Amino acid sequence: MEIFAKELSDKTVVGSDGAVVGDLHNVSINFKTGELENLIVTPDGSPTEQQKHRAKYNSTDEGRYLISSTSVRAVKDQIVVE
């Protein structure tokens, strides 16, 4: 899947079950290959949903989720991840 970083800005990230994971904060890129490595997502949703997502995704020191680009399933109005 080829997408431009500009297409990702201001998107909400949702799980494949439809639960809101959070809002895209930033991305990390492999500068040698130009490939997207991770989505950096600011958590959203209920405390129960946040706890579920923290168990599933790595997180930064600031509490944002690091979601591997391999988890991205679709990019339209929202970014859908596994």
PDB file of N, CA and C in Angstrom:
ATOM      1  N   MET A   1       0.865  -1.172   0.000  1.00  0.00           N
ATOM      2  CA  MET A   1       0.000   0.000   0.000  1.00  0.00           C
ATOM      3  C   MET A   1       0.906   1.228   0.000  1.00  0.00           C
ATOM      4  N   GLU A   2       0.686   2.136  -0.927  1.00  0.00           N
ATOM      5  CA  GLU A   2       1.463   3.366  -0.998  1.00  0.00           C
ATOM      6  C   GLU A   2       0.559   4.549  -0.689  1.00  0.00           C
ATOM      7  N   ILE A   3       0.943   5.317   0.342  1.00  0.00           N
ATOM      8  CA  ILE A   3       0.193   6.509   0.716  1.00  0.00           C
ATOM      9  C   ILE A   3       1.173   7.614   1.062  1.00  0.00           C
ATOM     10  N   PHE A   4       0.722   8.832   0.942  1.00  0.00           N
ATOM     11  CA  PHE A   4       1.543   9.974   1.295  1.00  0.00           C
ATOM     12  C   PHE A   4       1.252  10.374   2.731  1.00  0.00           C
ATOM     13  N   ALA A   5       2.286  10.835   3.438  1.00  0.00           N
ATOM     14  CA  ALA A   5       2.125  11.232   4.836  1.00  0.00           C
ATOM     15  C   ALA A   5       1.043  12.288   4.983  1.00  0.00           C
ATOM     16  N   LYS A   6       0.922  13.160   3.994  1.00  0.00           N
ATOM     17  CA  LYS A   6      -0.095  14.215   4.013  1.00  0.00           C
ATOM     18  C   LYS A   6      -1.512  13.633   4.123  1.00  0.00           C
ATOM     19  N   GLU A   7      -1.710  12.447   3.547  1.00  0.00           N
ATOM     20  CA  GLU A   7      -3.016  11.792   3.599  1.00  0.00           C
ATOM     21  C   GLU A   7      -3.363  11.291   5.000  1.00  0.00           C
ATOM     22  N   LEU A   8      -2.371  11.185   5.871  1.00  0.00           N
ATOM     23  CA  LEU A   8      -2.594  10.658   7.215  1.00  0.00           C
ATOM     24  C   LEU A   8      -2.952  11.727   8.240  1.00  0.00           C
ATOM     25  N   SER A   9      -2.661  12.986   7.932  1.00  0.00           N
ATOM     26  CA  SER A   9      -2.854  14.036   8.930  1.00  0.00           C
ATOM     27  C   SER A   9      -4.315  14.196   9.315  1.00  0.00           C
ATOM     28  N   ASP A  10      -4.519  14.510  10.589  1.00  0.00           N
ATOM     29  CA  ASP A  10      -5.846  14.749  11.160  1.00  0.00           C
ATOM     30  C   ASP A  10      -6.788  13.555  11.048  1.00  0.00           C
ATOM     31  N   LYS A  11      -6.253  12.355  11.150  1.00  0.00           N
ATOM     32  CA  LYS A  11      -7.081  11.153  11.071  1.00  0.00           C
ATOM     33  C   LYS A  11      -7.261  10.534  12.455  1.00  0.00           C
ATOM     34  N   THR A  12      -8.416   9.936  12.636  1.00  0.00           N
ATOM     35  CA  THR A  12      -8.681   9.133  13.821  1.00  0.00           C
ATOM     36  C   THR A  12      -8.256   7.707  13.510  1.00  0.00           C
ATOM     37  N   VAL A  13      -7.675   7.041  14.489  1.00  0.00           N
ATOM     38  CA  VAL A  13      -7.244   5.659  14.335  1.00  0.00           C
ATOM     39  C   VAL A  13      -8.250   4.778  15.063  1.00  0.00           C
ATOM     40  N   VAL A  14      -8.775   3.775  14.350  1.00  0.00           N
ATOM     41  CA  VAL A  14      -9.741   2.847  14.942  1.00  0.00           C
ATOM     42  C   VAL A  14      -9.245   1.423  14.760  1.00  0.00           C
ATOM     43  N   GLY A  15      -9.655   0.560  15.669  1.00  0.00           N
ATOM     44  CA  GLY A  15      -9.336  -0.858  15.559  1.00  0.00           C
ATOM     45  C   GLY A  15     -10.258  -1.521  14.556  1.00  0.00           C
ATOM     46  N   SER A  16      -9.922  -2.721  14.149  1.00  0.00           N
ATOM     47  CA  SER A  16     -10.749  -3.450  13.197  1.00  0.00           C
ATOM     48  C   SER A  16     -12.128  -3.771  13.773  1.00  0.00           C
ATOM     49  N   ASP A  17     -12.265  -3.667  15.098  1.00  0.00           N
ATOM     50  CA  ASP A  17     -13.561  -3.881  15.744  1.00  0.00           C
ATOM     51  C   ASP A  17     -14.392  -2.595  15.805  1.00  0.00           C
ATOM     52  N   GLY A  18     -13.838  -1.495  15.295  1.00  0.00           N
ATOM     53  CA  GLY A  18     -14.543  -0.218  15.286  1.00  0.00           C
ATOM     54  C   GLY A  18     -14.288   0.652  16.492  1.00  0.00           C
ATOM     55  N   ALA A  19     -13.580   0.136  17.497  1.00  0.00           N
ATOM     56  CA  ALA A  19     -13.291   0.919  18.700  1.00  0.00           C
ATOM     57  C   ALA A  19     -12.245   1.990  18.387  1.00  0.00           C
ATOM     58  N   VAL A  20     -12.472   3.199  18.880  1.00  0.00           N
ATOM     59  CA  VAL A  20     -11.531   4.287  18.665  1.00  0.00           C
ATOM     60  C   VAL A  20     -10.271   4.030  19.481  1.00  0.00           C
ATOM     61  N   VAL A  21      -9.125   4.058  18.804  1.00  0.00           N
ATOM     62  CA  VAL A  21      -7.836   3.897  19.469  1.00  0.00           C
ATOM     63  C   VAL A  21      -7.315   5.269  19.882  1.00  0.00           C
ATOM     64  N   GLY A  22      -7.440   6.245  18.991  1.00  0.00           N
ATOM     65  CA  GLY A  22      -6.975   7.594  19.289  1.00  0.00           C
ATOM     66  C   GLY A  22      -6.808   8.412  18.028  1.00  0.00           C
ATOM     67  N   ASP A  23      -6.075   9.505  18.150  1.00  0.00           N
ATOM     68  CA  ASP A  23      -5.823  10.403  17.032  1.00  0.00           C
ATOM     69  C   ASP A  23      -4.364  10.317  16.638  1.00  0.00           C
ATOM     70  N   LEU A  24      -4.108  10.317  15.335  1.00  0.00           N
ATOM     71  CA  LEU A  24      -2.736  10.266  14.855  1.00  0.00           C
ATOM     72  C   LEU A  24      -1.993  11.510  15.306  1.00  0.00           C
ATOM     73  N   HIS A  25      -0.888  11.314  15.984  1.00  0.00           N
ATOM     74  CA  HIS A  25      -0.063  12.415  16.469  1.00  0.00           C
ATOM     75  C   HIS A  25       1.106  12.670  15.522  1.00  0.00           C
ATOM     76  N   ASN A  26       1.747  11.570  15.091  1.00  0.00           N
ATOM     77  CA  ASN A  26       2.917  11.675  14.245  1.00  0.00           C
ATOM     78  C   ASN A  26       3.178  10.307  13.625  1.00  0.00           C
ATOM     79  N   VAL A  27       4.204  10.219  12.805  1.00  0.00           N
ATOM     80  CA  VAL A  27       4.628   8.948  12.230  1.00  0.00           C
ATOM     81  C   VAL A  27       6.140   8.843  12.370  1.00  0.00           C
ATOM     82  N   SER A  28       6.652   7.614  12.324  1.00  0.00           N
ATOM     83  CA  SER A  28       8.096   7.421  12.246  1.00  0.00           C
ATOM     84  C   SER A  28       8.393   6.746  10.912  1.00  0.00           C
ATOM     85  N   ILE A  29       9.468   7.209  10.289  1.00  0.00           N
ATOM     86  CA  ILE A  29       9.825   6.774   8.943  1.00  0.00           C
ATOM     87  C   ILE A  29      11.257   6.235   8.956  1.00  0.00           C
ATOM     88  N   ASN A  30      11.511   5.206   8.185  1.00  0.00           N
ATOM     89  CA  ASN A  30      12.870   4.722   7.964  1.00  0.00           C
ATOM     90  C   ASN A  30      13.462   5.614   6.868  1.00  0.00           C
ATOM     91  N   PHE A  31      14.409   6.464   7.229  1.00  0.00           N
ATOM     92  CA  PHE A  31      14.948   7.429   6.276  1.00  0.00           C
ATOM     93  C   PHE A  31      15.777   6.783   5.169  1.00  0.00           C
ATOM     94  N   LYS A  32      16.298   5.604   5.400  1.00  0.00           N
ATOM     95  CA  LYS A  32      17.059   4.925   4.343  1.00  0.00           C
ATOM     96  C   LYS A  32      16.141   4.407   3.246  1.00  0.00           C
ATOM     97  N   THR A  33      14.998   3.847   3.636  1.00  0.00           N
ATOM     98  CA  THR A  33      14.085   3.249   2.657  1.00  0.00           C
ATOM     99  C   THR A  33      12.900   4.149   2.328  1.00  0.00           C
ATOM    100  N   GLY A  34      12.614   5.116   3.199  1.00  0.00           N
ATOM    101  CA  GLY A  34      11.450   5.978   3.003  1.00  0.00           C
ATOM    102  C   GLY A  34      10.149   5.330   3.428  1.00  0.00           C
ATOM    103  N   GLU A  35      10.222   4.160   4.035  1.00  0.00           N
ATOM    104  CA  GLU A  35       9.010   3.437   4.430  1.00  0.00           C
ATOM    105  C   GLU A  35       8.518   3.869   5.808  1.00  0.00           C
ATOM    106  N   LEU A  36       7.207   3.884   5.933  1.00  0.00           N
ATOM    107  CA  LEU A  36       6.557   4.178   7.201  1.00  0.00           C
ATOM    108  C   LEU A  36       6.836   3.032   8.167  1.00  0.00           C
ATOM    109  N   GLU A  37       7.287   3.353   9.379  1.00  0.00           N
ATOM    110  CA  GLU A  37       7.551   2.319  10.376  1.00  0.00           C
ATOM    111  C   GLU A  37       6.428   2.223  11.399  1.00  0.00           C
ATOM    112  N   ASN A  38       6.066   3.359  12.014  1.00  0.00           N
ATOM    113  CA  ASN A  38       5.053   3.353  13.066  1.00  0.00           C
ATOM    114  C   ASN A  38       4.130   4.549  12.967  1.00  0.00           C
ATOM    115  N   LEU A  39       2.908   4.344  13.426  1.00  0.00           N
ATOM    116  CA  LEU A  39       2.001   5.452  13.703  1.00  0.00           C
ATOM    117  C   LEU A  39       2.181   5.779  15.174  1.00  0.00           C
ATOM    118  N   ILE A  40       2.232   7.048  15.503  1.00  0.00           N
ATOM    119  CA  ILE A  40       2.307   7.470  16.903  1.00  0.00           C
ATOM    120  C   ILE A  40       0.957   8.099  17.212  1.00  0.00           C
ATOM    121  N   VAL A  41       0.206   7.469  18.107  1.00  0.00           N
ATOM    122  CA  VAL A  41      -1.209   7.782  18.311  1.00  0.00           C
ATOM    123  C   VAL A  41      -1.461   8.270  19.730  1.00  0.00           C
ATOM    124  N   THR A  42      -2.149   9.395  19.836  1.00  0.00           N
ATOM    125  CA  THR A  42      -2.579   9.907  21.135  1.00  0.00           C
ATOM    126  C   THR A  42      -3.831   9.134  21.545  1.00  0.00           C
ATOM    127  N   PRO A  43      -3.819   8.474  22.714  1.00  0.00           N
ATOM    128  CA  PRO A  43      -4.949   7.645  23.140  1.00  0.00           C
ATOM    129  C   PRO A  43      -6.256   8.418  23.267  1.00  0.00           C
ATOM    130  N   ASP A  44      -7.335   7.721  23.008  1.00  0.00           N
ATOM    131  CA  ASP A  44      -8.681   8.258  23.151  1.00  0.00           C
ATOM    132  C   ASP A  44      -9.567   7.104  23.602  1.00  0.00           C
ATOM    133  N   GLY A  45     -10.800   7.395  23.926  1.00  0.00           N
ATOM    134  CA  GLY A  45     -11.718   6.344  24.333  1.00  0.00           C
ATOM    135  C   GLY A  45     -11.817   6.222  25.836  1.00  0.00           C
ATOM    136  N   SER A  46     -12.604   5.264  26.261  1.00  0.00           N
ATOM    137  CA  SER A  46     -12.833   5.054  27.683  1.00  0.00           C
ATOM    138  C   SER A  46     -11.584   4.468  28.342  1.00  0.00           C
ATOM    139  N   PRO A  47     -11.476   4.590  29.669  1.00  0.00           N
ATOM    140  CA  PRO A  47     -10.334   3.990  30.367  1.00  0.00           C
ATOM    141  C   PRO A  47     -10.203   2.486  30.103  1.00  0.00           C
ATOM    142  N   THR A  48     -11.327   1.789  29.975  1.00  0.00           N
ATOM    143  CA  THR A  48     -11.290   0.354  29.688  1.00  0.00           C
ATOM    144  C   THR A  48     -10.693   0.092  28.315  1.00  0.00           C
ATOM    145  N   GLU A  49     -11.111   0.881  27.315  1.00  0.00           N
ATOM    146  CA  GLU A  49     -10.566   0.729  25.967  1.00  0.00           C
ATOM    147  C   GLU A  49      -9.083   1.071  25.948  1.00  0.00           C
ATOM    148  N   GLN A  50      -8.691   2.128  26.665  1.00  0.00           N
ATOM    149  CA  GLN A  50      -7.276   2.513  26.706  1.00  0.00           C
ATOM    150  C   GLN A  50      -6.429   1.399  27.315  1.00  0.00           C
ATOM    151  N   GLN A  51      -6.936   0.772  28.355  1.00  0.00           N
ATOM    152  CA  GLN A  51      -6.203  -0.322  28.996  1.00  0.00           C
ATOM    153  C   GLN A  51      -6.040  -1.484  28.014  1.00  0.00           C
ATOM    154  N   LYS A  52      -7.086  -1.785  27.257  1.00  0.00           N
ATOM    155  CA  LYS A  52      -7.030  -2.856  26.260  1.00  0.00           C
ATOM    156  C   LYS A  52      -5.976  -2.530  25.191  1.00  0.00           C
ATOM    157  N   HIS A  53      -5.945  -1.285  24.736  1.00  0.00           N
ATOM    158  CA  HIS A  53      -4.993  -0.889  23.700  1.00  0.00           C
ATOM    159  C   HIS A  53      -3.564  -0.867  24.240  1.00  0.00           C
ATOM    160  N   ARG A  54      -3.370  -0.466  25.491  1.00  0.00           N
ATOM    161  CA  ARG A  54      -2.019  -0.451  26.082  1.00  0.00           C
ATOM    162  C   ARG A  54      -1.439  -1.863  26.154  1.00  0.00           C
ATOM    163  N   ALA A  55      -2.312  -2.847  26.363  1.00  0.00           N
ATOM    164  CA  ALA A  55      -1.857  -4.231  26.406  1.00  0.00           C
ATOM    165  C   ALA A  55      -1.465  -4.724  25.013  1.00  0.00           C
ATOM    166  N   LYS A  56      -2.052  -4.133  23.987  1.00  0.00           N
ATOM    167  CA  LYS A  56      -1.834  -4.584  22.611  1.00  0.00           C
ATOM    168  C   LYS A  56      -0.678  -3.872  21.913  1.00  0.00           C
ATOM    169  N   TYR A  57      -0.498  -2.573  22.182  1.00  0.00           N
ATOM    170  CA  TYR A  57       0.498  -1.773  21.472  1.00  0.00           C
ATOM    171  C   TYR A  57       1.597  -1.304  22.425  1.00  0.00           C
ATOM    172  N   ASN A  58       2.796  -1.153  21.890  1.00  0.00           N
ATOM    173  CA  ASN A  58       3.867  -0.514  22.648  1.00  0.00           C
ATOM    174  C   ASN A  58       3.494   0.949  22.829  1.00  0.00           C
ATOM    175  N   SER A  59       4.114   1.597  23.802  1.00  0.00           N
ATOM    176  CA  SER A  59       3.826   3.018  23.984  1.00  0.00           C
ATOM    177  C   SER A  59       5.100   3.795  24.279  1.00  0.00           C
ATOM    178  N   THR A  60       5.015   5.093  24.028  1.00  0.00           N
ATOM    179  CA  THR A  60       6.144   5.991  24.265  1.00  0.00           C
ATOM    180  C   THR A  60       6.156   6.406  25.730  1.00  0.00           C
ATOM    181  N   ASP A  61       7.192   7.127  26.128  1.00  0.00           N
ATOM    182  CA  ASP A  61       7.267   7.641  27.496  1.00  0.00           C
ATOM    183  C   ASP A  61       6.136   8.622  27.783  1.00  0.00           C
ATOM    184  N   GLU A  62       5.617   9.260  26.731  1.00  0.00           N
ATOM    185  CA  GLU A  62       4.514  10.213  26.889  1.00  0.00           C
ATOM    186  C   GLU A  62       3.150   9.528  26.926  1.00  0.00           C
ATOM    187  N   GLY A  63       3.126   8.189  26.785  1.00  0.00           N
ATOM    188  CA  GLY A  63       1.872   7.454  26.847  1.00  0.00           C
ATOM    189  C   GLY A  63       1.166   7.300  25.508  1.00  0.00           C
ATOM    190  N   ARG A  64       1.820   7.686  24.424  1.00  0.00           N
ATOM    191  CA  ARG A  64       1.230   7.509  23.096  1.00  0.00           C
ATOM    192  C   ARG A  64       1.518   6.096  22.606  1.00  0.00           C
ATOM    193  N   TYR A  65       0.611   5.556  21.793  1.00  0.00           N
ATOM    194  CA  TYR A  65       0.792   4.212  21.252  1.00  0.00           C
ATOM    195  C   TYR A  65       1.707   4.244  20.037  1.00  0.00           C
ATOM    196  N   LEU A  66       2.561   3.235  19.928  1.00  0.00           N
ATOM    197  CA  LEU A  66       3.362   3.012  18.732  1.00  0.00           C
ATOM    198  C   LEU A  66       2.730   1.828  18.003  1.00  0.00           C
ATOM    199  N   ILE A  67       2.126   2.109  16.870  1.00  0.00           N
ATOM    200  CA  ILE A  67       1.431   1.065  16.119  1.00  0.00           C
ATOM    201  C   ILE A  67       2.199   0.817  14.829  1.00  0.00           C
ATOM    202  N   SER A  68       2.662  -0.397  14.652  1.00  0.00           N
ATOM    203  CA  SER A  68       3.451  -0.758  13.478  1.00  0.00           C
ATOM    204  C   SER A  68       2.665  -0.525  12.195  1.00  0.00           C
ATOM    205  N   SER A  69       3.363  -0.082  11.174  1.00  0.00           N
ATOM    206  CA  SER A  69       2.709   0.150   9.887  1.00  0.00           C
ATOM    207  C   SER A  69       2.134  -1.136   9.308  1.00  0.00           C
ATOM    208  N   THR A  70       2.664  -2.279   9.720  1.00  0.00           N
ATOM    209  CA  THR A  70       2.132  -3.554   9.226  1.00  0.00           C
ATOM    210  C   THR A  70       0.735  -3.840   9.775  1.00  0.00           C
ATOM    211  N   SER A  71       0.323  -3.104  10.804  1.00  0.00           N
ATOM    212  CA  SER A  71      -1.012  -3.276  11.382  1.00  0.00           C
ATOM    213  C   SER A  71      -2.075  -2.458  10.656  1.00  0.00           C
ATOM    214  N   VAL A  72      -1.651  -1.547   9.773  1.00  0.00           N
ATOM    215  CA  VAL A  72      -2.607  -0.689   9.065  1.00  0.00           C
ATOM    216  C   VAL A  72      -3.354  -1.518   8.025  1.00  0.00           C
ATOM    217  N   ARG A  73      -4.669  -1.479   8.076  1.00  0.00           N
ATOM    218  CA  ARG A  73      -5.510  -2.238   7.153  1.00  0.00           C
ATOM    219  C   ARG A  73      -6.193  -1.362   6.108  1.00  0.00           C
ATOM    220  N   ALA A  74      -6.483  -0.114   6.463  1.00  0.00           N
ATOM    221  CA  ALA A  74      -7.148   0.782   5.515  1.00  0.00           C
ATOM    222  C   ALA A  74      -6.904   2.224   5.924  1.00  0.00           C
ATOM    223  N   VAL A  75      -6.857   3.101   4.922  1.00  0.00           N
ATOM    224  CA  VAL A  75      -6.749   4.535   5.167  1.00  0.00           C
ATOM    225  C   VAL A  75      -7.794   5.205   4.290  1.00  0.00           C
ATOM    226  N   LYS A  76      -8.831   5.709   4.928  1.00  0.00           N
ATOM    227  CA  LYS A  76      -9.874   6.462   4.227  1.00  0.00           C
ATOM    228  C   LYS A  76     -10.187   7.661   5.104  1.00  0.00           C
ATOM    229  N   ASP A  77     -11.413   7.771   5.597  1.00  0.00           N
ATOM    230  CA  ASP A  77     -11.745   8.842   6.535  1.00  0.00           C
ATOM    231  C   ASP A  77     -11.072   8.612   7.875  1.00  0.00           C
ATOM    232  N   GLN A  78     -10.806   7.343   8.169  1.00  0.00           N
ATOM    233  CA  GLN A  78     -10.121   6.937   9.396  1.00  0.00           C
ATOM    234  C   GLN A  78      -9.002   5.974   9.011  1.00  0.00           C
ATOM    235  N   ILE A  79      -8.092   5.765   9.942  1.00  0.00           N
ATOM    236  CA  ILE A  79      -7.044   4.750   9.741  1.00  0.00           C
ATOM    237  C   ILE A  79      -7.471   3.519  10.526  1.00  0.00           C
ATOM    238  N   VAL A  80      -7.628   2.403   9.851  1.00  0.00           N
ATOM    239  CA  VAL A  80      -8.050   1.165  10.499  1.00  0.00           C
ATOM    240  C   VAL A  80      -6.823   0.292  10.734  1.00  0.00           C
ATOM    241  N   VAL A  81      -6.657  -0.156  11.985  1.00  0.00           N
ATOM    242  CA  VAL A  81      -5.518  -1.007  12.358  1.00  0.00           C
ATOM    243  C   VAL A  81      -6.020  -2.276  13.004  1.00  0.00           C
ATOM    244  N   GLU A  82      -5.164  -3.293  12.996  1.00  0.00           N
ATOM    245  CA  GLU A  82      -5.487  -4.562  13.672  1.00  0.00           C
ATOM    246  C   GLU A  82      -5.459  -4.386  15.160  1.00  0.00           C
TER     247      GLU A  82
END
